[in-house]
Amino acid sequence: QDYALSLDRMCSSVWAGTDPKAALETAAAEWNQTTERLGTDSQKAFYAEYKKLPGSSADHTVEALGMAVKL
């Protein structure tokens, strides 16, 4: 959630007139702080688990996994 909130703040600031590059740099710094606070190893472990979920990527859809419902 912390990453999504940072991205939301970045988008909002651009809509309010902030230079997009500056907003992205701020968001990147916030993401780095979040990763440092949560721990790089734990974030890598959570991401590895996320990648196992259906729909986590274009190549890992429910259809590709044979889980799609055929009507």
C-alpha atoms as a PDB file:
ATOM      1  CA  GLN A   1       0.000   0.000   0.000  1.00  0.00           C
ATOM      2  CA  ASP A   2       2.856   2.391   0.733  1.00  0.00           C
ATOM      3  CA  TYR A   3       4.092   2.091  -2.850  1.00  0.00           C
ATOM      4  CA  ALA A   4       0.610   2.734  -4.266  1.00  0.00           C
ATOM      5  CA  LEU A   5       0.114   5.779  -2.046  1.00  0.00           C
ATOM      6  CA  SER A   6       3.427   7.215  -3.210  1.00  0.00           C
ATOM      7  CA  LEU A   7       2.418   6.686  -6.825  1.00  0.00           C
ATOM      8  CA  ASP A   8      -0.946   8.326  -6.130  1.00  0.00           C
ATOM      9  CA  ARG A   9       0.770  11.362  -4.597  1.00  0.00           C
ATOM     10  CA  MET A  10       3.072  11.575  -7.620  1.00  0.00           C
ATOM     11  CA  CYS A  11       0.155  11.522 -10.082  1.00  0.00           C
ATOM     12  CA  SER A  12      -1.774  14.075  -8.041  1.00  0.00           C
ATOM     13  CA  SER A  13       1.192  16.418  -7.928  1.00  0.00           C
ATOM     14  CA  VAL A  14       1.611  16.211 -11.716  1.00  0.00           C
ATOM     15  CA  TRP A  15      -2.075  17.015 -12.185  1.00  0.00           C
ATOM     16  CA  ALA A  16      -1.553  19.976  -9.861  1.00  0.00           C
ATOM     17  CA  GLY A  17       1.288  21.287 -12.018  1.00  0.00           C
ATOM     18  CA  THR A  18       4.488  19.673 -10.722  1.00  0.00           C
ATOM     19  CA  ASP A  19       7.072  18.827 -13.363  1.00  0.00           C
ATOM     20  CA  PRO A  20       6.571  15.119 -14.214  1.00  0.00           C
ATOM     21  CA  LYS A  21      10.284  14.307 -13.973  1.00  0.00           C
ATOM     22  CA  ALA A  22      10.513  15.909 -10.531  1.00  0.00           C
ATOM     23  CA  ALA A  23       7.404  14.034  -9.395  1.00  0.00           C
ATOM     24  CA  LEU A  24       8.867  10.727 -10.595  1.00  0.00           C
ATOM     25  CA  GLU A  25      12.143  11.442  -8.815  1.00  0.00           C
ATOM     26  CA  THR A  26      10.229  12.142  -5.597  1.00  0.00           C
ATOM     27  CA  ALA A  27       8.213   8.937  -5.992  1.00  0.00           C
ATOM     28  CA  ALA A  28      11.391   6.943  -6.642  1.00  0.00           C
ATOM     29  CA  ALA A  29      12.964   8.348  -3.476  1.00  0.00           C
ATOM     30  CA  GLU A  30       9.827   7.446  -1.491  1.00  0.00           C
ATOM     31  CA  TRP A  31       9.856   3.915  -2.931  1.00  0.00           C
ATOM     32  CA  ASN A  32      13.515   3.535  -1.931  1.00  0.00           C
ATOM     33  CA  GLN A  33      12.706   4.703   1.616  1.00  0.00           C
ATOM     34  CA  THR A  34       9.780   2.274   1.809  1.00  0.00           C
ATOM     35  CA  THR A  35      11.939  -0.604   0.590  1.00  0.00           C
ATOM     36  CA  GLU A  36      14.657   0.267   3.121  1.00  0.00           C
ATOM     37  CA  ARG A  37      12.095   0.474   5.937  1.00  0.00           C
ATOM     38  CA  LEU A  38      10.445  -2.838   5.040  1.00  0.00           C
ATOM     39  CA  GLY A  39      13.697  -4.576   4.159  1.00  0.00           C
ATOM     40  CA  THR A  40      14.948  -5.521   0.722  1.00  0.00           C
ATOM     41  CA  ASP A  41      14.987  -9.251   1.443  1.00  0.00           C
ATOM     42  CA  SER A  42      11.409  -9.286   2.714  1.00  0.00           C
ATOM     43  CA  GLN A  43      10.239  -7.281  -0.304  1.00  0.00           C
ATOM     44  CA  LYS A  44      11.970  -9.731  -2.660  1.00  0.00           C
ATOM     45  CA  ALA A  45      10.283 -12.636  -0.858  1.00  0.00           C
ATOM     46  CA  PHE A  46       6.854 -10.997  -1.040  1.00  0.00           C
ATOM     47  CA  TYR A  47       7.347 -10.257  -4.744  1.00  0.00           C
ATOM     48  CA  ALA A  48       8.378 -13.858  -5.427  1.00  0.00           C
ATOM     49  CA  GLU A  49       5.126 -15.004  -3.797  1.00  0.00           C
ATOM     50  CA  TYR A  50       3.118 -12.403  -5.722  1.00  0.00           C
ATOM     51  CA  LYS A  51       4.520 -13.649  -9.042  1.00  0.00           C
ATOM     52  CA  LYS A  52       2.990 -17.074  -8.293  1.00  0.00           C
ATOM     53  CA  LEU A  53      -0.530 -15.616  -8.200  1.00  0.00           C
ATOM     54  CA  PRO A  54      -2.781 -15.935 -11.247  1.00  0.00           C
ATOM     55  CA  GLY A  55      -2.913 -12.608 -13.043  1.00  0.00           C
ATOM     56  CA  SER A  56       0.376 -11.331 -11.655  1.00  0.00           C
ATOM     57  CA  SER A  57       1.747 -10.940 -15.182  1.00  0.00           C
ATOM     58  CA  ALA A  58       0.592 -11.207 -18.771  1.00  0.00           C
ATOM     59  CA  ASP A  59       2.197 -14.656 -19.047  1.00  0.00           C
ATOM     60  CA  HIS A  60       0.693 -15.901 -15.792  1.00  0.00           C
ATOM     61  CA  THR A  61      -3.027 -15.485 -16.422  1.00  0.00           C
ATOM     62  CA  VAL A  62      -5.775 -17.819 -15.232  1.00  0.00           C
ATOM     63  CA  GLU A  63      -6.140 -18.967 -18.834  1.00  0.00           C
ATOM     64  CA  ALA A  64      -2.434 -19.768 -19.160  1.00  0.00           C
ATOM     65  CA  LEU A  65      -2.633 -21.708 -15.899  1.00  0.00           C
ATOM     66  CA  GLY A  66      -5.632 -23.700 -17.130  1.00  0.00           C
ATOM     67  CA  MET A  67      -7.894 -22.132 -14.513  1.00  0.00           C
ATOM     68  CA  ALA A  68     -10.167 -20.162 -16.863  1.00  0.00           C
ATOM     69  CA  VAL A  69     -13.873 -20.883 -16.962  1.00  0.00           C
ATOM     70  CA  LYS A  70     -15.156 -21.906 -20.384  1.00  0.00           C
ATOM     71  CA  LEU A  71     -18.693 -20.780 -21.163  1.00  0.00           C
END
